[in-house]
Amino acid sequence: DTPLHKTKITDNSVVPRWAEEFSVWEYEIGESLEFNLWDSDVAGAKCLGKVTLTPEAFMEKGCNMEFPMEDVEPGINAYLGLKIKVFGQQQYPDDTSPEFEVTVEKGEGATQYGLDVDRQDLKYIHVLKVVDGAFKKYNEQ
């Protein structure tokens, strides 16, 4: 299969964000769309996983959500966030991601919250890992 689009390369990121918008005119109604995520480095390129969207997932009103990736390494839970608008749509659908608020206190003498984060897009903080600290204690309650 010939790729319909290839995104720019995002270097040195555990949680890459492409924020690219492009049109696909070669799409045939009824076909699924397949998104492949590749890692490329000095050792070569390898596919990290894929998401296959059936027309039911996006054709009626587009979509704006995260999809679980298939064909990933064992023990890995990976997701690919996609925003799709169909012909004639002016806006992307509303985000379906849940939001929640939590209050965590470090406690007396503590110096770390215990989160490894990625904030490369300068708008959101993505939690990569919970390590020793207030958040780990909160999660263990």
N, C-alpha and C. Protein backbone atom coordinates (compact mmCIF):
# COMPACT_ATOMS: atom_id res chain seq x y z
N ASP A 1 0.83 -1.20 0.00
CA ASP A 1 0.00 0.00 0.00
C ASP A 1 0.87 1.26 0.00
N THR A 2 0.44 2.25 -0.73
CA THR A 2 1.15 3.52 -0.80
C THR A 2 0.64 4.44 0.29
N PRO A 3 1.54 5.01 1.11
CA PRO A 3 1.09 5.96 2.15
C PRO A 3 0.40 7.17 1.55
N LEU A 4 -0.67 7.62 2.19
CA LEU A 4 -1.37 8.82 1.75
C LEU A 4 -0.69 10.08 2.27
N HIS A 5 0.04 9.97 3.38
CA HIS A 5 0.74 11.11 3.95
C HIS A 5 1.81 10.60 4.91
N LYS A 6 2.89 11.34 5.00
CA LYS A 6 3.96 11.03 5.95
C LYS A 6 4.24 12.31 6.73
N THR A 7 4.20 12.23 8.06
CA THR A 7 4.42 13.41 8.90
C THR A 7 5.90 13.74 8.98
N LYS A 8 6.17 14.94 9.50
CA LYS A 8 7.55 15.33 9.77
C LYS A 8 8.10 14.44 10.89
N ILE A 9 9.40 14.34 10.97
CA ILE A 9 10.06 13.58 12.03
C ILE A 9 10.13 14.43 13.28
N THR A 10 9.78 13.84 14.42
CA THR A 10 9.91 14.51 15.71
C THR A 10 11.06 13.84 16.45
N ASP A 11 12.14 14.58 16.65
CA ASP A 11 13.34 14.02 17.26
C ASP A 11 13.27 14.02 18.79
N ASN A 12 13.85 12.98 19.39
CA ASN A 12 14.13 12.91 20.83
C ASN A 12 12.93 13.22 21.71
N SER A 13 11.82 12.54 21.50
CA SER A 13 10.65 12.73 22.34
C SER A 13 10.03 11.38 22.68
N VAL A 14 9.71 11.21 23.95
CA VAL A 14 9.03 10.00 24.39
C VAL A 14 7.55 10.08 24.05
N VAL A 15 7.01 11.29 24.02
CA VAL A 15 5.60 11.52 23.69
C VAL A 15 5.55 12.55 22.54
N PRO A 16 5.79 12.10 21.31
CA PRO A 16 5.82 13.06 20.20
C PRO A 16 4.45 13.64 19.88
N ARG A 17 4.45 14.89 19.43
CA ARG A 17 3.23 15.58 18.98
C ARG A 17 3.53 16.14 17.60
N TRP A 18 2.70 15.79 16.64
CA TRP A 18 2.95 16.27 15.29
C TRP A 18 2.14 17.51 14.96
N ALA A 19 0.91 17.61 15.41
CA ALA A 19 0.04 18.77 15.17
C ALA A 19 0.05 19.16 13.69
N GLU A 20 -0.03 18.19 12.83
CA GLU A 20 -0.06 18.43 11.39
C GLU A 20 -1.48 18.25 10.88
N GLU A 21 -1.86 19.10 9.96
CA GLU A 21 -3.17 18.97 9.33
C GLU A 21 -2.96 18.80 7.84
N PHE A 22 -3.64 17.82 7.26
CA PHE A 22 -3.51 17.58 5.83
C PHE A 22 -4.81 16.98 5.30
N SER A 23 -5.03 17.10 4.01
CA SER A 23 -6.23 16.56 3.36
C SER A 23 -5.87 15.26 2.67
N VAL A 24 -6.81 14.34 2.67
CA VAL A 24 -6.66 13.07 1.97
C VAL A 24 -7.76 13.01 0.92
N TRP A 25 -7.37 13.15 -0.32
CA TRP A 25 -8.35 13.14 -1.42
C TRP A 25 -8.46 11.75 -2.04
N GLU A 26 -7.49 10.88 -1.77
CA GLU A 26 -7.47 9.56 -2.40
C GLU A 26 -8.33 8.54 -1.66
N TYR A 27 -8.99 8.94 -0.58
CA TYR A 27 -9.77 8.02 0.23
C TYR A 27 -10.99 7.52 -0.54
N GLU A 28 -11.22 6.20 -0.48
CA GLU A 28 -12.41 5.61 -1.09
C GLU A 28 -13.38 5.24 0.03
N ILE A 29 -14.62 5.70 -0.09
CA ILE A 29 -15.63 5.46 0.94
C ILE A 29 -15.74 3.97 1.22
N GLY A 30 -15.75 3.65 2.51
CA GLY A 30 -15.86 2.27 2.94
C GLY A 30 -14.53 1.64 3.32
N GLU A 31 -13.42 2.26 2.94
CA GLU A 31 -12.11 1.73 3.29
C GLU A 31 -11.71 2.14 4.71
N SER A 32 -10.91 1.31 5.34
CA SER A 32 -10.34 1.66 6.64
C SER A 32 -9.11 2.54 6.42
N LEU A 33 -8.76 3.32 7.44
CA LEU A 33 -7.53 4.10 7.43
C LEU A 33 -6.55 3.45 8.39
N GLU A 34 -5.31 3.30 7.99
CA GLU A 34 -4.29 2.72 8.85
C GLU A 34 -3.20 3.75 9.12
N PHE A 35 -2.89 3.94 10.40
CA PHE A 35 -1.86 4.87 10.83
C PHE A 35 -0.74 4.05 11.46
N ASN A 36 0.46 4.15 10.92
CA ASN A 36 1.63 3.43 11.42
C ASN A 36 2.57 4.41 12.09
N LEU A 37 3.06 4.05 13.27
CA LEU A 37 4.00 4.88 14.01
C LEU A 37 5.38 4.24 13.94
N TRP A 38 6.36 5.00 13.42
CA TRP A 38 7.70 4.49 13.21
C TRP A 38 8.70 5.20 14.11
N ASP A 39 9.71 4.46 14.53
CA ASP A 39 10.86 5.03 15.24
C ASP A 39 12.05 4.86 14.32
N SER A 40 12.83 5.92 14.19
CA SER A 40 13.98 5.87 13.32
C SER A 40 15.19 6.42 14.07
N ASP A 41 16.27 5.67 14.06
CA ASP A 41 17.51 6.13 14.69
C ASP A 41 18.69 5.56 13.93
N VAL A 42 19.88 5.66 14.49
CA VAL A 42 21.08 5.20 13.79
C VAL A 42 21.05 3.70 13.51
N ALA A 43 20.29 2.95 14.29
CA ALA A 43 20.20 1.50 14.08
C ALA A 43 19.22 1.14 12.97
N GLY A 44 18.44 2.11 12.51
CA GLY A 44 17.47 1.84 11.46
C GLY A 44 16.07 2.29 11.87
N ALA A 45 15.08 1.84 11.14
CA ALA A 45 13.70 2.21 11.41
C ALA A 45 12.90 0.96 11.76
N LYS A 46 11.95 1.12 12.69
CA LYS A 46 11.07 -0.01 13.00
C LYS A 46 9.70 0.53 13.33
N CYS A 47 8.69 -0.26 12.98
CA CYS A 47 7.31 0.12 13.26
C CYS A 47 7.02 -0.18 14.73
N LEU A 48 6.54 0.86 15.45
CA LEU A 48 6.23 0.71 16.88
C LEU A 48 4.81 0.21 17.11
N GLY A 49 3.96 0.34 16.10
CA GLY A 49 2.58 -0.09 16.23
C GLY A 49 1.72 0.64 15.21
N LYS A 50 0.43 0.31 15.23
CA LYS A 50 -0.48 0.92 14.27
C LYS A 50 -1.87 1.05 14.86
N VAL A 51 -2.66 1.91 14.23
CA VAL A 51 -4.08 2.05 14.53
C VAL A 51 -4.82 1.91 13.21
N THR A 52 -5.81 1.05 13.17
CA THR A 52 -6.64 0.90 11.98
C THR A 52 -8.04 1.37 12.32
N LEU A 53 -8.50 2.39 11.59
CA LEU A 53 -9.83 2.95 11.83
C LEU A 53 -10.79 2.46 10.76
N THR A 54 -11.89 1.87 11.20
CA THR A 54 -12.94 1.51 10.26
C THR A 54 -13.75 2.77 9.97
N PRO A 55 -14.46 2.80 8.86
CA PRO A 55 -15.24 4.00 8.52
C PRO A 55 -16.24 4.40 9.61
N GLU A 56 -16.76 3.44 10.35
CA GLU A 56 -17.72 3.75 11.41
C GLU A 56 -17.11 4.64 12.50
N ALA A 57 -15.79 4.61 12.65
CA ALA A 57 -15.13 5.39 13.70
C ALA A 57 -15.00 6.87 13.35
N PHE A 58 -15.15 7.24 12.06
CA PHE A 58 -14.91 8.63 11.71
C PHE A 58 -15.80 9.21 10.61
N MET A 59 -16.45 8.40 9.80
CA MET A 59 -17.13 8.92 8.61
C MET A 59 -18.35 9.79 8.90
N GLU A 60 -19.11 9.48 9.94
CA GLU A 60 -20.34 10.22 10.19
C GLU A 60 -20.09 11.65 10.65
N LYS A 61 -19.22 11.81 11.64
CA LYS A 61 -18.99 13.16 12.19
C LYS A 61 -17.53 13.41 12.56
N GLY A 62 -16.61 12.67 11.96
CA GLY A 62 -15.20 12.82 12.30
C GLY A 62 -14.92 12.19 13.65
N CYS A 63 -13.75 12.46 14.21
CA CYS A 63 -13.43 11.95 15.53
C CYS A 63 -12.34 12.81 16.16
N ASN A 64 -12.23 12.72 17.46
CA ASN A 64 -11.20 13.43 18.22
C ASN A 64 -10.98 12.63 19.48
N MET A 65 -10.11 11.64 19.40
CA MET A 65 -9.89 10.77 20.55
C MET A 65 -8.59 9.99 20.41
N GLU A 66 -8.26 9.26 21.45
CA GLU A 66 -7.10 8.39 21.43
C GLU A 66 -7.55 6.96 21.15
N PHE A 67 -6.78 6.28 20.30
CA PHE A 67 -7.09 4.91 19.92
C PHE A 67 -5.96 4.00 20.38
N PRO A 68 -6.30 2.82 20.93
CA PRO A 68 -5.24 1.88 21.34
C PRO A 68 -4.50 1.38 20.10
N MET A 69 -3.18 1.30 20.23
CA MET A 69 -2.37 0.82 19.11
C MET A 69 -2.27 -0.69 19.13
N GLU A 70 -2.19 -1.26 17.94
CA GLU A 70 -2.02 -2.70 17.75
C GLU A 70 -0.57 -2.99 17.37
N ASP A 71 -0.20 -4.25 17.47
CA ASP A 71 1.13 -4.71 17.05
C ASP A 71 2.26 -3.98 17.77
N VAL A 72 2.06 -3.70 19.06
CA VAL A 72 3.10 -3.07 19.87
C VAL A 72 3.88 -4.17 20.59
N GLU A 73 5.00 -3.80 21.19
CA GLU A 73 5.80 -4.79 21.91
C GLU A 73 5.01 -5.33 23.10
N PRO A 74 5.26 -6.57 23.52
CA PRO A 74 4.55 -7.14 24.67
C PRO A 74 4.71 -6.28 25.92
N GLY A 75 3.62 -6.11 26.65
CA GLY A 75 3.64 -5.33 27.89
C GLY A 75 3.50 -3.83 27.68
N ILE A 76 3.38 -3.38 26.46
CA ILE A 76 3.26 -1.95 26.15
C ILE A 76 1.80 -1.62 25.86
N ASN A 77 1.29 -0.58 26.51
CA ASN A 77 -0.03 -0.03 26.19
C ASN A 77 0.21 1.33 25.56
N ALA A 78 -0.01 1.44 24.27
CA ALA A 78 0.26 2.68 23.55
C ALA A 78 -1.02 3.16 22.87
N TYR A 79 -1.14 4.47 22.76
CA TYR A 79 -2.31 5.09 22.15
C TYR A 79 -1.88 6.15 21.15
N LEU A 80 -2.69 6.33 20.13
CA LEU A 80 -2.44 7.36 19.14
C LEU A 80 -3.65 8.28 19.11
N GLY A 81 -3.41 9.56 19.40
CA GLY A 81 -4.48 10.55 19.37
C GLY A 81 -4.68 11.07 17.96
N LEU A 82 -5.92 11.06 17.50
CA LEU A 82 -6.24 11.50 16.15
C LEU A 82 -7.42 12.45 16.15
N LYS A 83 -7.33 13.48 15.33
CA LYS A 83 -8.44 14.39 15.08
C LYS A 83 -8.74 14.30 13.59
N ILE A 84 -9.96 13.93 13.27
CA ILE A 84 -10.35 13.80 11.86
C ILE A 84 -11.66 14.55 11.65
N LYS A 85 -11.68 15.40 10.61
CA LYS A 85 -12.95 15.99 10.20
C LYS A 85 -13.22 15.54 8.78
N VAL A 86 -14.48 15.30 8.51
CA VAL A 86 -14.88 14.81 7.19
C VAL A 86 -15.25 15.98 6.30
N PHE A 87 -15.35 15.71 5.02
CA PHE A 87 -15.65 16.74 4.03
C PHE A 87 -16.88 17.54 4.45
N GLY A 88 -16.73 18.85 4.46
CA GLY A 88 -17.82 19.74 4.83
C GLY A 88 -17.81 20.18 6.28
N GLN A 89 -17.05 19.50 7.14
CA GLN A 89 -16.96 19.90 8.55
C GLN A 89 -16.02 21.09 8.67
N GLN A 90 -16.44 22.10 9.44
CA GLN A 90 -15.60 23.26 9.67
C GLN A 90 -14.68 23.07 10.87
N GLN A 91 -15.18 22.39 11.90
CA GLN A 91 -14.45 22.20 13.16
C GLN A 91 -14.25 20.71 13.43
N TYR A 92 -13.22 20.42 14.21
CA TYR A 92 -13.06 19.06 14.69
C TYR A 92 -14.11 18.78 15.76
N PRO A 93 -14.51 17.53 15.92
CA PRO A 93 -15.43 17.20 17.02
C PRO A 93 -14.79 17.53 18.36
N ASP A 94 -15.61 17.70 19.39
CA ASP A 94 -15.10 17.95 20.73
C ASP A 94 -14.26 16.78 21.20
N ASP A 95 -13.26 17.09 22.00
CA ASP A 95 -12.39 16.08 22.59
C ASP A 95 -13.18 15.25 23.58
N THR A 96 -13.01 13.95 23.53
CA THR A 96 -13.72 13.08 24.46
C THR A 96 -12.85 12.66 25.64
N SER A 97 -11.65 13.25 25.72
CA SER A 97 -10.76 12.87 26.82
C SER A 97 -11.32 13.32 28.16
N PRO A 98 -11.33 12.44 29.15
CA PRO A 98 -11.84 12.84 30.47
C PRO A 98 -10.84 13.76 31.17
N GLU A 99 -11.36 14.67 31.95
CA GLU A 99 -10.53 15.53 32.78
C GLU A 99 -10.92 15.30 34.22
N PHE A 100 -9.95 15.40 35.11
CA PHE A 100 -10.24 15.26 36.53
C PHE A 100 -9.26 16.11 37.31
N GLU A 101 -9.63 16.41 38.52
CA GLU A 101 -8.79 17.22 39.38
C GLU A 101 -8.49 16.44 40.64
N VAL A 102 -7.26 16.55 41.11
CA VAL A 102 -6.85 15.85 42.30
C VAL A 102 -5.95 16.78 43.11
N THR A 103 -6.03 16.71 44.42
CA THR A 103 -5.16 17.50 45.28
C THR A 103 -4.21 16.57 46.00
N VAL A 104 -2.93 16.83 45.85
CA VAL A 104 -1.89 16.00 46.45
C VAL A 104 -0.95 16.91 47.22
N GLU A 105 -0.64 16.51 48.44
CA GLU A 105 0.31 17.28 49.25
C GLU A 105 1.59 16.47 49.40
N LYS A 106 2.72 17.15 49.27
CA LYS A 106 4.01 16.46 49.40
C LYS A 106 4.25 15.96 50.81
N GLY A 107 3.77 16.68 51.77
CA GLY A 107 4.00 16.29 53.15
C GLY A 107 5.27 16.94 53.69
N GLU A 108 5.37 16.94 54.98
CA GLU A 108 6.50 17.60 55.64
C GLU A 108 7.82 16.95 55.27
N GLY A 109 8.78 17.75 54.86
CA GLY A 109 10.11 17.28 54.53
C GLY A 109 10.27 16.70 53.14
N ALA A 110 9.17 16.49 52.43
CA ALA A 110 9.26 15.91 51.08
C ALA A 110 9.74 16.98 50.10
N THR A 111 10.53 16.56 49.11
CA THR A 111 11.03 17.52 48.12
C THR A 111 10.56 17.21 46.71
N GLN A 112 9.96 16.05 46.48
CA GLN A 112 9.55 15.65 45.14
C GLN A 112 8.08 15.24 45.11
N TYR A 113 7.41 15.56 44.01
CA TYR A 113 6.05 15.06 43.80
C TYR A 113 6.08 13.63 43.27
N GLY A 114 7.14 13.27 42.56
CA GLY A 114 7.26 11.90 42.07
C GLY A 114 6.66 11.66 40.70
N LEU A 115 6.81 12.63 39.81
CA LEU A 115 6.31 12.45 38.45
C LEU A 115 7.42 12.75 37.45
N ASP A 116 7.55 11.86 36.46
CA ASP A 116 8.37 12.16 35.29
C ASP A 116 7.40 12.64 34.22
N VAL A 117 7.63 13.85 33.71
CA VAL A 117 6.67 14.44 32.78
C VAL A 117 7.34 14.88 31.48
N ASP A 118 6.51 15.01 30.44
CA ASP A 118 6.92 15.59 29.17
C ASP A 118 6.04 16.81 28.96
N ARG A 119 6.65 17.95 28.74
CA ARG A 119 5.89 19.18 28.51
C ARG A 119 6.36 19.87 27.23
N GLN A 120 6.68 19.06 26.22
CA GLN A 120 7.28 19.60 25.01
C GLN A 120 6.37 20.54 24.25
N ASP A 121 5.06 20.39 24.34
CA ASP A 121 4.20 21.28 23.57
C ASP A 121 3.92 22.60 24.30
N LEU A 122 4.45 22.76 25.50
CA LEU A 122 4.35 23.98 26.31
C LEU A 122 2.91 24.36 26.65
N LYS A 123 1.96 23.45 26.43
CA LYS A 123 0.56 23.71 26.80
C LYS A 123 0.06 22.67 27.79
N TYR A 124 0.46 21.43 27.59
CA TYR A 124 0.00 20.33 28.43
C TYR A 124 1.20 19.64 29.07
N ILE A 125 0.96 19.03 30.21
CA ILE A 125 1.97 18.19 30.84
C ILE A 125 1.48 16.75 30.72
N HIS A 126 2.29 15.90 30.16
CA HIS A 126 1.96 14.48 30.01
C HIS A 126 2.77 13.69 31.02
N VAL A 127 2.09 12.93 31.86
CA VAL A 127 2.77 12.12 32.86
C VAL A 127 3.30 10.87 32.17
N LEU A 128 4.61 10.68 32.26
CA LEU A 128 5.26 9.53 31.65
C LEU A 128 5.40 8.38 32.64
N LYS A 129 5.66 8.74 33.91
CA LYS A 129 5.93 7.71 34.90
C LYS A 129 5.70 8.29 36.30
N VAL A 130 5.15 7.47 37.18
CA VAL A 130 4.99 7.85 38.59
C VAL A 130 6.09 7.13 39.36
N VAL A 131 6.91 7.92 40.07
CA VAL A 131 8.01 7.36 40.85
C VAL A 131 7.77 7.70 42.32
N ASP A 132 8.70 7.35 43.20
CA ASP A 132 8.54 7.63 44.63
C ASP A 132 8.24 9.12 44.85
N GLY A 133 7.23 9.37 45.66
CA GLY A 133 6.84 10.74 45.97
C GLY A 133 5.36 10.81 46.31
N ALA A 134 4.84 12.01 46.35
CA ALA A 134 3.46 12.24 46.78
C ALA A 134 2.42 11.56 45.91
N PHE A 135 2.63 11.54 44.61
CA PHE A 135 1.64 10.93 43.72
C PHE A 135 1.60 9.41 43.88
N LYS A 136 2.76 8.81 44.09
CA LYS A 136 2.78 7.36 44.31
C LYS A 136 2.04 7.02 45.61
N LYS A 137 2.30 7.82 46.67
CA LYS A 137 1.58 7.59 47.93
C LYS A 137 0.08 7.77 47.73
N TYR A 138 -0.31 8.79 46.98
CA TYR A 138 -1.74 9.05 46.72
C TYR A 138 -2.36 7.86 45.97
N ASN A 139 -1.67 7.36 44.95
CA ASN A 139 -2.19 6.25 44.16
C ASN A 139 -2.30 4.94 44.95
N GLU A 140 -1.45 4.80 45.97
CA GLU A 140 -1.46 3.57 46.77
C GLU A 140 -2.55 3.57 47.85
N GLN A 141 -3.23 4.68 48.05
CA GLN A 141 -4.28 4.76 49.07
C GLN A 141 -5.47 3.91 48.69
